[in-house]
Amino acid sequence: MSEPSSKDPAPAADAESEPRPGRVRKPIGWSTLVIAALVALSAALVWRRDGTDGVLEILTHDLSLFGGILPRVLAGCLLGAFISEILPHEKVSRSLGPKSGLKGLLIGTAFGAILPGGPFTAYPVASALLAVGADFGATIAMVVSWTLIGYGRAVAWEIPIMGTDFTLWRIVISLPLPVLAGALGRFVYVRMYPKPVTKDDET
């Protein structure tokens, strides 16, 4: 009997068992360098005006603030990572992917409107949706909807301070904006990053 050829395709089980490649994030990018330069410049100006004591006071306060925020940042990142593993890629791509059309933008808008929590929840979830098949348009619609319509802030802050009439009219006027932003984002993304033509597309 002849030995199996090395050119034979690998079994489906082996292909499914391979881990999905994750997105590589650079620990230091241009934004980090810009922020570091601004921090150094600000520290120098504070030291010139208030001396070492002024710089140490600000540093101590910010370290305390960072310690309080860090658990929420960790929880948000873990939430995004778990969601990207739990959500079925096929269903997300079908509902929120590039071919989802207006339905995908509406689903993204509705999801952003009911998404609770602050930026430590919203942005990791948005990143997870991109990782599992959602396109830029639907994700933009979700983020814009969370920013403009999010019911959590409306109930907790806007209604008590601004009143029910103002809040309701503000939400009604804001409703089309996430869909428009998502459609524009999808339009721009497709033209800036065109999909490479494959043999299947040619046939």
N, C-alpha and C. Protein backbone atom coordinates (compact mmCIF):
# COMPACT_ATOMS: atom_id res chain seq x y z
N MET A 1 0.84 -1.20 0.00
CA MET A 1 0.00 0.00 0.00
C MET A 1 0.88 1.25 0.00
N SER A 2 0.46 2.22 -0.72
CA SER A 2 1.27 3.44 -0.77
C SER A 2 0.95 4.33 0.40
N GLU A 3 1.94 5.05 0.84
CA GLU A 3 1.76 5.98 1.96
C GLU A 3 0.94 7.17 1.50
N PRO A 4 0.15 7.76 2.40
CA PRO A 4 -0.65 8.92 2.02
C PRO A 4 0.23 10.07 1.59
N SER A 5 -0.17 10.72 0.53
CA SER A 5 0.61 11.83 0.00
C SER A 5 0.57 13.02 0.94
N SER A 6 1.70 13.73 0.99
CA SER A 6 1.78 14.91 1.86
C SER A 6 0.95 16.05 1.32
N LYS A 7 0.48 15.92 0.05
CA LYS A 7 -0.32 16.98 -0.53
C LYS A 7 -1.79 16.85 -0.23
N ASP A 8 -2.19 15.70 0.39
CA ASP A 8 -3.60 15.51 0.71
C ASP A 8 -4.05 16.55 1.71
N PRO A 9 -5.29 17.08 1.61
CA PRO A 9 -5.78 18.08 2.56
C PRO A 9 -5.91 17.50 3.95
N ALA A 10 -5.69 18.33 4.93
CA ALA A 10 -5.79 17.90 6.32
C ALA A 10 -7.23 17.61 6.66
N PRO A 11 -7.48 16.67 7.57
CA PRO A 11 -8.86 16.39 7.97
C PRO A 11 -9.55 17.62 8.50
N ALA A 12 -10.89 17.61 8.37
CA ALA A 12 -11.67 18.77 8.83
C ALA A 12 -11.54 18.96 10.33
N ALA A 13 -11.43 17.84 11.07
CA ALA A 13 -11.34 17.95 12.53
C ALA A 13 -10.09 18.69 12.93
N ASP A 14 -8.95 18.41 12.20
CA ASP A 14 -7.72 19.10 12.54
C ASP A 14 -7.81 20.57 12.22
N ALA A 15 -8.51 20.90 11.11
CA ALA A 15 -8.64 22.32 10.74
C ALA A 15 -9.47 23.05 11.75
N GLU A 16 -10.52 22.38 12.27
CA GLU A 16 -11.38 23.05 13.23
C GLU A 16 -10.69 23.22 14.58
N SER A 17 -9.74 22.31 14.88
CA SER A 17 -9.08 22.39 16.18
C SER A 17 -8.02 23.45 16.23
N GLU A 18 -7.61 23.99 15.06
CA GLU A 18 -6.59 25.02 15.07
C GLU A 18 -7.15 26.31 15.63
N PRO A 19 -6.40 26.98 16.50
CA PRO A 19 -6.91 28.23 17.08
C PRO A 19 -6.98 29.33 16.04
N ARG A 20 -7.98 30.17 16.19
CA ARG A 20 -8.12 31.30 15.28
C ARG A 20 -7.05 32.33 15.58
N PRO A 21 -6.39 32.85 14.55
CA PRO A 21 -5.37 33.86 14.81
C PRO A 21 -5.99 35.13 15.34
N GLY A 22 -5.41 35.68 16.38
CA GLY A 22 -5.92 36.90 16.97
C GLY A 22 -5.26 38.12 16.35
N ARG A 23 -5.87 39.26 16.56
CA ARG A 23 -5.30 40.49 16.04
C ARG A 23 -4.09 40.90 16.87
N VAL A 24 -3.00 41.25 16.20
CA VAL A 24 -1.78 41.64 16.89
C VAL A 24 -1.86 43.13 17.18
N ARG A 25 -1.75 43.48 18.44
CA ARG A 25 -1.79 44.88 18.83
C ARG A 25 -0.38 45.31 19.25
N LYS A 26 0.08 46.42 18.68
CA LYS A 26 1.38 46.94 19.03
C LYS A 26 1.33 47.59 20.41
N PRO A 27 2.27 47.22 21.30
CA PRO A 27 2.24 47.82 22.63
C PRO A 27 2.54 49.32 22.61
N ILE A 28 3.34 49.75 21.64
CA ILE A 28 3.70 51.17 21.53
C ILE A 28 3.47 51.61 20.09
N GLY A 29 2.56 52.56 19.92
CA GLY A 29 2.26 53.10 18.61
C GLY A 29 2.46 54.61 18.60
N TRP A 30 2.06 55.22 17.48
CA TRP A 30 2.27 56.67 17.37
C TRP A 30 1.44 57.43 18.39
N SER A 31 0.22 56.93 18.71
CA SER A 31 -0.61 57.62 19.69
C SER A 31 0.02 57.57 21.08
N THR A 32 0.64 56.43 21.43
CA THR A 32 1.31 56.32 22.72
C THR A 32 2.48 57.29 22.81
N LEU A 33 3.22 57.42 21.73
CA LEU A 33 4.37 58.33 21.73
C LEU A 33 3.92 59.78 21.85
N VAL A 34 2.83 60.12 21.16
CA VAL A 34 2.32 61.51 21.26
C VAL A 34 1.87 61.81 22.68
N ILE A 35 1.12 60.88 23.30
CA ILE A 35 0.65 61.09 24.67
C ILE A 35 1.83 61.18 25.63
N ALA A 36 2.84 60.33 25.44
CA ALA A 36 4.02 60.37 26.32
C ALA A 36 4.75 61.70 26.21
N ALA A 37 4.84 62.23 24.99
CA ALA A 37 5.49 63.53 24.80
C ALA A 37 4.69 64.64 25.48
N LEU A 38 3.35 64.59 25.38
CA LEU A 38 2.51 65.60 26.03
C LEU A 38 2.61 65.50 27.55
N VAL A 39 2.68 64.27 28.07
CA VAL A 39 2.83 64.09 29.52
C VAL A 39 4.16 64.67 29.99
N ALA A 40 5.24 64.40 29.25
CA ALA A 40 6.55 64.91 29.64
C ALA A 40 6.57 66.44 29.61
N LEU A 41 5.95 67.03 28.58
CA LEU A 41 5.90 68.48 28.48
C LEU A 41 5.08 69.08 29.62
N SER A 42 3.93 68.47 29.93
CA SER A 42 3.09 68.97 31.02
C SER A 42 3.80 68.84 32.36
N ALA A 43 4.48 67.72 32.58
CA ALA A 43 5.21 67.54 33.84
C ALA A 43 6.30 68.59 33.99
N ALA A 44 6.97 68.90 32.88
CA ALA A 44 8.02 69.92 32.95
C ALA A 44 7.44 71.30 33.28
N LEU A 45 6.29 71.63 32.71
CA LEU A 45 5.66 72.92 33.01
C LEU A 45 5.20 72.99 34.46
N VAL A 46 4.61 71.88 34.99
CA VAL A 46 4.18 71.86 36.39
C VAL A 46 5.39 71.95 37.30
N TRP A 47 6.46 71.25 36.99
CA TRP A 47 7.68 71.29 37.83
C TRP A 47 8.28 72.69 37.85
N ARG A 48 8.23 73.37 36.71
CA ARG A 48 8.78 74.73 36.65
C ARG A 48 7.97 75.68 37.50
N ARG A 49 6.62 75.45 37.57
CA ARG A 49 5.76 76.37 38.33
C ARG A 49 5.65 75.98 39.80
N ASP A 50 5.47 74.68 40.09
CA ASP A 50 5.19 74.23 41.47
C ASP A 50 6.31 73.41 42.08
N GLY A 51 7.32 73.08 41.31
CA GLY A 51 8.43 72.31 41.86
C GLY A 51 8.11 70.82 41.94
N THR A 52 8.98 70.09 42.61
CA THR A 52 8.84 68.63 42.71
C THR A 52 7.58 68.24 43.48
N ASP A 53 7.23 69.02 44.52
CA ASP A 53 6.04 68.68 45.30
C ASP A 53 4.77 68.70 44.45
N GLY A 54 4.66 69.65 43.57
CA GLY A 54 3.48 69.71 42.70
C GLY A 54 3.38 68.51 41.78
N VAL A 55 4.52 68.10 41.20
CA VAL A 55 4.53 66.94 40.31
C VAL A 55 4.17 65.67 41.09
N LEU A 56 4.73 65.50 42.29
CA LEU A 56 4.45 64.31 43.10
C LEU A 56 2.99 64.26 43.54
N GLU A 57 2.40 65.41 43.84
CA GLU A 57 0.99 65.43 44.24
C GLU A 57 0.09 64.96 43.10
N ILE A 58 0.35 65.45 41.90
CA ILE A 58 -0.44 65.03 40.75
C ILE A 58 -0.22 63.55 40.46
N LEU A 59 1.03 63.10 40.56
CA LEU A 59 1.34 61.71 40.29
C LEU A 59 0.64 60.79 41.29
N THR A 60 0.64 61.16 42.56
CA THR A 60 -0.02 60.34 43.58
C THR A 60 -1.52 60.25 43.34
N HIS A 61 -2.13 61.38 43.03
CA HIS A 61 -3.58 61.40 42.76
C HIS A 61 -3.93 60.55 41.55
N ASP A 62 -3.13 60.66 40.48
CA ASP A 62 -3.43 59.90 39.26
C ASP A 62 -3.20 58.41 39.44
N LEU A 63 -2.21 58.04 40.25
CA LEU A 63 -2.00 56.62 40.52
C LEU A 63 -3.19 56.03 41.29
N SER A 64 -3.74 56.81 42.23
CA SER A 64 -4.93 56.36 42.94
C SER A 64 -6.12 56.22 42.00
N LEU A 65 -6.29 57.18 41.08
CA LEU A 65 -7.36 57.10 40.08
C LEU A 65 -7.17 55.90 39.16
N PHE A 66 -5.94 55.65 38.76
CA PHE A 66 -5.64 54.52 37.89
C PHE A 66 -5.97 53.19 38.58
N GLY A 67 -5.66 53.12 39.88
CA GLY A 67 -5.97 51.90 40.62
C GLY A 67 -7.47 51.63 40.69
N GLY A 68 -8.28 52.69 40.74
CA GLY A 68 -9.73 52.50 40.75
C GLY A 68 -10.30 52.13 39.40
N ILE A 69 -9.68 52.63 38.32
CA ILE A 69 -10.18 52.37 36.98
C ILE A 69 -9.72 51.02 36.45
N LEU A 70 -8.54 50.57 36.88
CA LEU A 70 -7.94 49.36 36.33
C LEU A 70 -8.86 48.13 36.40
N PRO A 71 -9.54 47.86 37.52
CA PRO A 71 -10.43 46.69 37.53
C PRO A 71 -11.53 46.76 36.48
N ARG A 72 -12.08 47.97 36.22
CA ARG A 72 -13.12 48.09 35.22
C ARG A 72 -12.57 47.91 33.80
N VAL A 73 -11.34 48.40 33.58
CA VAL A 73 -10.70 48.18 32.28
C VAL A 73 -10.47 46.69 32.05
N LEU A 74 -9.97 46.00 33.08
CA LEU A 74 -9.73 44.56 32.97
C LEU A 74 -11.03 43.81 32.73
N ALA A 75 -12.09 44.18 33.45
CA ALA A 75 -13.38 43.51 33.27
C ALA A 75 -13.92 43.74 31.86
N GLY A 76 -13.78 44.96 31.34
CA GLY A 76 -14.25 45.24 29.99
C GLY A 76 -13.48 44.47 28.93
N CYS A 77 -12.16 44.39 29.09
CA CYS A 77 -11.35 43.63 28.13
C CYS A 77 -11.68 42.15 28.17
N LEU A 78 -11.88 41.61 29.39
CA LEU A 78 -12.26 40.21 29.51
C LEU A 78 -13.63 39.96 28.90
N LEU A 79 -14.55 40.90 29.09
CA LEU A 79 -15.88 40.77 28.50
C LEU A 79 -15.79 40.69 26.98
N GLY A 80 -14.99 41.60 26.38
CA GLY A 80 -14.83 41.58 24.93
C GLY A 80 -14.20 40.28 24.45
N ALA A 81 -13.20 39.78 25.18
CA ALA A 81 -12.54 38.53 24.78
C ALA A 81 -13.50 37.35 24.86
N PHE A 82 -14.28 37.28 25.93
CA PHE A 82 -15.23 36.17 26.08
C PHE A 82 -16.33 36.23 25.02
N ILE A 83 -16.81 37.43 24.73
CA ILE A 83 -17.86 37.58 23.72
C ILE A 83 -17.36 37.15 22.36
N SER A 84 -16.11 37.50 22.02
CA SER A 84 -15.57 37.11 20.72
C SER A 84 -15.43 35.61 20.58
N GLU A 85 -15.33 34.89 21.71
CA GLU A 85 -15.24 33.43 21.66
C GLU A 85 -16.62 32.77 21.70
N ILE A 86 -17.58 33.43 22.35
CA ILE A 86 -18.90 32.82 22.53
C ILE A 86 -19.79 33.02 21.31
N LEU A 87 -19.78 34.22 20.73
CA LEU A 87 -20.70 34.52 19.64
C LEU A 87 -20.38 33.68 18.40
N PRO A 88 -21.39 33.12 17.77
CA PRO A 88 -21.17 32.35 16.53
C PRO A 88 -20.82 33.27 15.37
N HIS A 89 -19.69 33.02 14.74
CA HIS A 89 -19.22 33.90 13.68
C HIS A 89 -20.20 33.95 12.51
N GLU A 90 -20.76 32.81 12.15
CA GLU A 90 -21.65 32.79 10.98
C GLU A 90 -22.89 33.65 11.20
N LYS A 91 -23.50 33.54 12.37
CA LYS A 91 -24.72 34.31 12.65
C LYS A 91 -24.42 35.80 12.74
N VAL A 92 -23.29 36.15 13.38
CA VAL A 92 -22.94 37.56 13.49
C VAL A 92 -22.64 38.14 12.12
N SER A 93 -21.92 37.39 11.29
CA SER A 93 -21.60 37.87 9.95
C SER A 93 -22.86 38.01 9.11
N ARG A 94 -23.82 37.10 9.30
CA ARG A 94 -25.05 37.18 8.54
C ARG A 94 -25.92 38.35 8.99
N SER A 95 -25.91 38.64 10.29
CA SER A 95 -26.79 39.69 10.83
C SER A 95 -26.14 41.07 10.81
N LEU A 96 -24.80 41.13 10.96
CA LEU A 96 -24.12 42.42 11.08
C LEU A 96 -22.97 42.57 10.09
N GLY A 97 -22.83 41.63 9.18
CA GLY A 97 -21.70 41.67 8.25
C GLY A 97 -21.90 42.62 7.10
N PRO A 98 -20.94 42.64 6.16
CA PRO A 98 -21.01 43.59 5.03
C PRO A 98 -22.24 43.42 4.16
N LYS A 99 -22.80 42.20 4.11
CA LYS A 99 -23.97 41.94 3.25
C LYS A 99 -25.29 42.02 4.02
N SER A 100 -25.24 42.52 5.25
CA SER A 100 -26.47 42.58 6.06
C SER A 100 -27.38 43.73 5.65
N GLY A 101 -26.84 44.70 4.91
CA GLY A 101 -27.66 45.81 4.42
C GLY A 101 -28.22 46.68 5.53
N LEU A 102 -29.40 47.21 5.28
CA LEU A 102 -30.05 48.09 6.26
C LEU A 102 -30.38 47.35 7.54
N LYS A 103 -30.70 46.06 7.44
CA LYS A 103 -31.02 45.29 8.63
C LYS A 103 -29.86 45.27 9.61
N GLY A 104 -28.64 45.13 9.11
CA GLY A 104 -27.48 45.13 9.98
C GLY A 104 -27.29 46.46 10.69
N LEU A 105 -27.53 47.55 9.98
CA LEU A 105 -27.40 48.87 10.60
C LEU A 105 -28.47 49.07 11.67
N LEU A 106 -29.68 48.60 11.42
CA LEU A 106 -30.75 48.73 12.41
C LEU A 106 -30.48 47.87 13.64
N ILE A 107 -29.95 46.66 13.43
CA ILE A 107 -29.62 45.80 14.56
C ILE A 107 -28.51 46.42 15.40
N GLY A 108 -27.48 46.95 14.72
CA GLY A 108 -26.41 47.62 15.44
C GLY A 108 -26.91 48.82 16.23
N THR A 109 -27.82 49.59 15.63
CA THR A 109 -28.39 50.75 16.31
C THR A 109 -29.19 50.32 17.54
N ALA A 110 -30.02 49.30 17.40
CA ALA A 110 -30.83 48.82 18.52
C ALA A 110 -29.95 48.26 19.64
N PHE A 111 -28.91 47.52 19.26
CA PHE A 111 -28.02 46.95 20.26
C PHE A 111 -27.28 48.03 21.04
N GLY A 112 -26.80 49.06 20.31
CA GLY A 112 -26.12 50.15 20.99
C GLY A 112 -27.03 50.93 21.92
N ALA A 113 -28.32 51.06 21.54
CA ALA A 113 -29.26 51.81 22.37
C ALA A 113 -29.54 51.12 23.70
N ILE A 114 -29.54 49.78 23.70
CA ILE A 114 -29.86 49.06 24.94
C ILE A 114 -28.62 48.58 25.68
N LEU A 115 -27.43 48.81 25.12
CA LEU A 115 -26.21 48.33 25.76
C LEU A 115 -25.94 49.11 27.04
N PRO A 116 -25.89 48.46 28.19
CA PRO A 116 -25.64 49.17 29.44
C PRO A 116 -24.14 49.40 29.66
N GLY A 117 -23.84 50.19 30.66
CA GLY A 117 -22.45 50.39 31.04
C GLY A 117 -21.82 51.57 30.33
N GLY A 118 -20.57 51.83 30.73
CA GLY A 118 -19.83 52.94 30.16
C GLY A 118 -18.87 52.49 29.07
N PRO A 119 -17.86 53.30 28.78
CA PRO A 119 -16.91 52.96 27.71
C PRO A 119 -16.13 51.68 27.97
N PHE A 120 -15.97 51.30 29.26
CA PHE A 120 -15.26 50.07 29.56
C PHE A 120 -16.04 48.84 29.11
N THR A 121 -17.33 49.00 28.86
CA THR A 121 -18.16 47.91 28.34
C THR A 121 -18.37 48.06 26.84
N ALA A 122 -18.71 49.27 26.39
CA ALA A 122 -19.11 49.47 24.99
C ALA A 122 -17.99 49.19 24.01
N TYR A 123 -16.80 49.72 24.26
CA TYR A 123 -15.73 49.57 23.27
C TYR A 123 -15.17 48.15 23.20
N PRO A 124 -14.98 47.44 24.32
CA PRO A 124 -14.61 46.02 24.17
C PRO A 124 -15.65 45.19 23.44
N VAL A 125 -16.94 45.47 23.67
CA VAL A 125 -17.98 44.74 22.96
C VAL A 125 -17.92 45.07 21.47
N ALA A 126 -17.72 46.34 21.12
CA ALA A 126 -17.61 46.72 19.72
C ALA A 126 -16.41 46.04 19.07
N SER A 127 -15.30 45.98 19.78
CA SER A 127 -14.12 45.30 19.25
C SER A 127 -14.38 43.82 19.05
N ALA A 128 -15.11 43.21 19.99
CA ALA A 128 -15.45 41.80 19.87
C ALA A 128 -16.34 41.55 18.66
N LEU A 129 -17.30 42.44 18.40
CA LEU A 129 -18.18 42.28 17.24
C LEU A 129 -17.39 42.34 15.94
N LEU A 130 -16.42 43.25 15.87
CA LEU A 130 -15.58 43.32 14.67
C LEU A 130 -14.79 42.02 14.49
N ALA A 131 -14.35 41.44 15.61
CA ALA A 131 -13.54 40.23 15.53
C ALA A 131 -14.33 39.02 15.08
N VAL A 132 -15.64 39.02 15.32
CA VAL A 132 -16.43 37.83 14.99
C VAL A 132 -17.28 37.99 13.74
N GLY A 133 -17.04 39.05 12.95
CA GLY A 133 -17.69 39.12 11.66
C GLY A 133 -18.52 40.34 11.37
N ALA A 134 -18.75 41.22 12.35
CA ALA A 134 -19.50 42.45 12.08
C ALA A 134 -18.64 43.40 11.24
N ASP A 135 -19.28 44.15 10.37
CA ASP A 135 -18.52 45.07 9.54
C ASP A 135 -18.45 46.45 10.20
N PHE A 136 -17.68 47.34 9.57
CA PHE A 136 -17.48 48.67 10.14
C PHE A 136 -18.79 49.43 10.26
N GLY A 137 -19.66 49.30 9.26
CA GLY A 137 -20.90 50.06 9.27
C GLY A 137 -21.78 49.73 10.45
N ALA A 138 -22.03 48.44 10.69
CA ALA A 138 -22.88 48.04 11.81
C ALA A 138 -22.24 48.38 13.15
N THR A 139 -20.91 48.25 13.24
CA THR A 139 -20.23 48.58 14.50
C THR A 139 -20.25 50.07 14.76
N ILE A 140 -20.07 50.87 13.72
CA ILE A 140 -20.18 52.33 13.88
C ILE A 140 -21.58 52.70 14.33
N ALA A 141 -22.59 52.08 13.72
CA ALA A 141 -23.97 52.36 14.13
C ALA A 141 -24.17 52.01 15.60
N MET A 142 -23.58 50.91 16.07
CA MET A 142 -23.72 50.53 17.47
C MET A 142 -23.09 51.55 18.40
N VAL A 143 -21.86 51.97 18.08
CA VAL A 143 -21.14 52.91 18.95
C VAL A 143 -21.84 54.27 18.96
N VAL A 144 -22.27 54.75 17.79
CA VAL A 144 -22.96 56.04 17.73
C VAL A 144 -24.29 55.97 18.47
N SER A 145 -24.99 54.86 18.33
CA SER A 145 -26.26 54.70 19.03
C SER A 145 -26.05 54.66 20.53
N TRP A 146 -25.02 53.93 20.99
CA TRP A 146 -24.70 53.90 22.42
C TRP A 146 -24.37 55.30 22.94
N THR A 147 -23.68 56.09 22.11
CA THR A 147 -23.30 57.44 22.52
C THR A 147 -24.49 58.38 22.57
N LEU A 148 -25.37 58.32 21.57
CA LEU A 148 -26.45 59.29 21.44
C LEU A 148 -27.75 58.85 22.11
N ILE A 149 -28.05 57.55 22.06
CA ILE A 149 -29.37 57.08 22.49
C ILE A 149 -29.32 56.29 23.79
N GLY A 150 -28.16 55.75 24.16
CA GLY A 150 -28.04 54.85 25.30
C GLY A 150 -29.02 55.14 26.43
N TYR A 151 -29.87 54.17 26.71
CA TYR A 151 -30.95 54.40 27.68
C TYR A 151 -30.42 54.57 29.09
N GLY A 152 -29.27 53.98 29.40
CA GLY A 152 -28.74 54.06 30.76
C GLY A 152 -28.50 55.48 31.21
N ARG A 153 -27.80 56.25 30.37
CA ARG A 153 -27.54 57.66 30.72
C ARG A 153 -28.81 58.48 30.68
N ALA A 154 -29.70 58.15 29.73
CA ALA A 154 -30.96 58.92 29.63
C ALA A 154 -31.79 58.76 30.89
N VAL A 155 -31.90 57.53 31.40
CA VAL A 155 -32.71 57.29 32.60
C VAL A 155 -32.03 57.81 33.86
N ALA A 156 -30.73 57.61 33.95
CA ALA A 156 -30.02 57.96 35.19
C ALA A 156 -29.72 59.45 35.29
N TRP A 157 -29.47 60.11 34.15
CA TRP A 157 -29.00 61.49 34.22
C TRP A 157 -29.90 62.47 33.46
N GLU A 158 -30.24 62.13 32.23
CA GLU A 158 -30.87 63.13 31.38
C GLU A 158 -32.31 63.43 31.80
N ILE A 159 -33.11 62.41 32.05
CA ILE A 159 -34.50 62.64 32.45
C ILE A 159 -34.59 63.40 33.77
N PRO A 160 -33.83 63.01 34.82
CA PRO A 160 -33.92 63.77 36.08
C PRO A 160 -33.48 65.22 35.95
N ILE A 161 -32.50 65.49 35.08
CA ILE A 161 -31.95 66.85 35.00
C ILE A 161 -32.66 67.68 33.93
N MET A 162 -32.85 67.10 32.73
CA MET A 162 -33.38 67.85 31.60
C MET A 162 -34.88 67.69 31.42
N GLY A 163 -35.46 66.67 32.02
CA GLY A 163 -36.89 66.46 31.88
C GLY A 163 -37.23 65.44 30.81
N THR A 164 -38.45 64.90 30.90
CA THR A 164 -38.87 63.83 29.99
C THR A 164 -39.06 64.33 28.57
N ASP A 165 -39.69 65.50 28.40
CA ASP A 165 -39.95 66.01 27.05
C ASP A 165 -38.66 66.22 26.27
N PHE A 166 -37.70 66.89 26.91
CA PHE A 166 -36.42 67.14 26.24
C PHE A 166 -35.75 65.83 25.86
N THR A 167 -35.72 64.87 26.78
CA THR A 167 -35.03 63.59 26.54
C THR A 167 -35.68 62.83 25.40
N LEU A 168 -37.02 62.76 25.39
CA LEU A 168 -37.71 62.03 24.34
C LEU A 168 -37.48 62.66 22.97
N TRP A 169 -37.57 63.99 22.89
CA TRP A 169 -37.36 64.63 21.60
C TRP A 169 -35.92 64.50 21.15
N ARG A 170 -35.00 64.58 22.09
CA ARG A 170 -33.58 64.41 21.74
C ARG A 170 -33.33 63.01 21.18
N ILE A 171 -33.95 61.99 21.77
CA ILE A 171 -33.78 60.62 21.30
C ILE A 171 -34.42 60.44 19.93
N VAL A 172 -35.63 61.00 19.75
CA VAL A 172 -36.32 60.87 18.45
C VAL A 172 -35.50 61.51 17.34
N ILE A 173 -34.95 62.70 17.62
CA ILE A 173 -34.15 63.39 16.60
C ILE A 173 -32.85 62.63 16.33
N SER A 174 -32.32 61.95 17.35
CA SER A 174 -31.05 61.23 17.20
C SER A 174 -31.20 59.87 16.53
N LEU A 175 -32.41 59.34 16.43
CA LEU A 175 -32.60 57.98 15.93
C LEU A 175 -31.99 57.73 14.55
N PRO A 176 -32.14 58.63 13.56
CA PRO A 176 -31.58 58.31 12.23
C PRO A 176 -30.06 58.42 12.17
N LEU A 177 -29.45 59.14 13.13
CA LEU A 177 -28.02 59.43 13.02
C LEU A 177 -27.13 58.19 13.06
N PRO A 178 -27.37 57.22 13.95
CA PRO A 178 -26.51 56.02 13.92
C PRO A 178 -26.60 55.26 12.61
N VAL A 179 -27.81 55.18 12.02
CA VAL A 179 -27.96 54.47 10.75
C VAL A 179 -27.20 55.21 9.64
N LEU A 180 -27.33 56.54 9.61
CA LEU A 180 -26.62 57.33 8.61
C LEU A 180 -25.10 57.22 8.79
N ALA A 181 -24.64 57.28 10.04
CA ALA A 181 -23.21 57.15 10.30
C ALA A 181 -22.70 55.77 9.89
N GLY A 182 -23.48 54.73 10.20
CA GLY A 182 -23.08 53.38 9.81
C GLY A 182 -23.04 53.21 8.30
N ALA A 183 -24.03 53.74 7.60
CA ALA A 183 -24.04 53.65 6.13
C ALA A 183 -22.86 54.39 5.52
N LEU A 184 -22.55 55.58 6.07
CA LEU A 184 -21.40 56.33 5.56
C LEU A 184 -20.10 55.59 5.86
N GLY A 185 -20.00 55.01 7.07
CA GLY A 185 -18.80 54.25 7.41
C GLY A 185 -18.61 53.05 6.51
N ARG A 186 -19.70 52.37 6.20
CA ARG A 186 -19.62 51.21 5.30
C ARG A 186 -19.22 51.65 3.89
N PHE A 187 -19.77 52.77 3.43
CA PHE A 187 -19.44 53.29 2.10
C PHE A 187 -17.96 53.65 2.00
N VAL A 188 -17.45 54.35 3.01
CA VAL A 188 -16.05 54.77 2.99
C VAL A 188 -15.11 53.57 3.13
N TYR A 189 -15.45 52.64 4.02
CA TYR A 189 -14.57 51.50 4.27
C TYR A 189 -14.42 50.62 3.04
N VAL A 190 -15.52 50.39 2.33
CA VAL A 190 -15.46 49.54 1.14
C VAL A 190 -14.54 50.15 0.09
N ARG A 191 -14.51 51.47 0.00
CA ARG A 191 -13.69 52.13 -1.01
C ARG A 191 -12.25 52.33 -0.56
N MET A 192 -12.02 52.44 0.71
CA MET A 192 -10.64 52.57 1.20
C MET A 192 -9.94 51.22 1.29
N TYR A 193 -10.71 50.17 1.61
CA TYR A 193 -10.14 48.84 1.75
C TYR A 193 -10.94 47.87 0.88
N PRO A 194 -10.76 47.94 -0.44
CA PRO A 194 -11.54 47.06 -1.32
C PRO A 194 -11.18 45.59 -1.10
N LYS A 195 -12.18 44.73 -1.20
CA LYS A 195 -11.98 43.30 -1.02
C LYS A 195 -11.25 42.74 -2.23
N PRO A 196 -10.16 41.96 -2.03
CA PRO A 196 -9.46 41.38 -3.18
C PRO A 196 -10.34 40.41 -3.95
N VAL A 197 -10.21 40.43 -5.26
CA VAL A 197 -11.01 39.57 -6.13
C VAL A 197 -10.44 38.17 -6.11
N THR A 198 -11.28 37.18 -5.84
CA THR A 198 -10.88 35.78 -5.82
C THR A 198 -11.33 35.07 -7.08
N LYS A 199 -10.88 33.84 -7.24
CA LYS A 199 -11.29 33.05 -8.39
C LYS A 199 -12.79 32.78 -8.41
N ASP A 200 -13.36 32.60 -7.18
CA ASP A 200 -14.79 32.37 -7.09
C ASP A 200 -15.60 33.56 -7.58
N ASP A 201 -15.09 34.79 -7.26
CA ASP A 201 -15.78 35.99 -7.70
C ASP A 201 -15.73 36.13 -9.22
N GLU A 202 -14.60 35.70 -9.83
CA GLU A 202 -14.46 35.85 -11.26
C GLU A 202 -15.39 34.90 -12.02
N THR A 203 -15.61 33.71 -11.41
CA THR A 203 -16.49 32.75 -12.06
C THR A 203 -17.95 33.08 -11.77
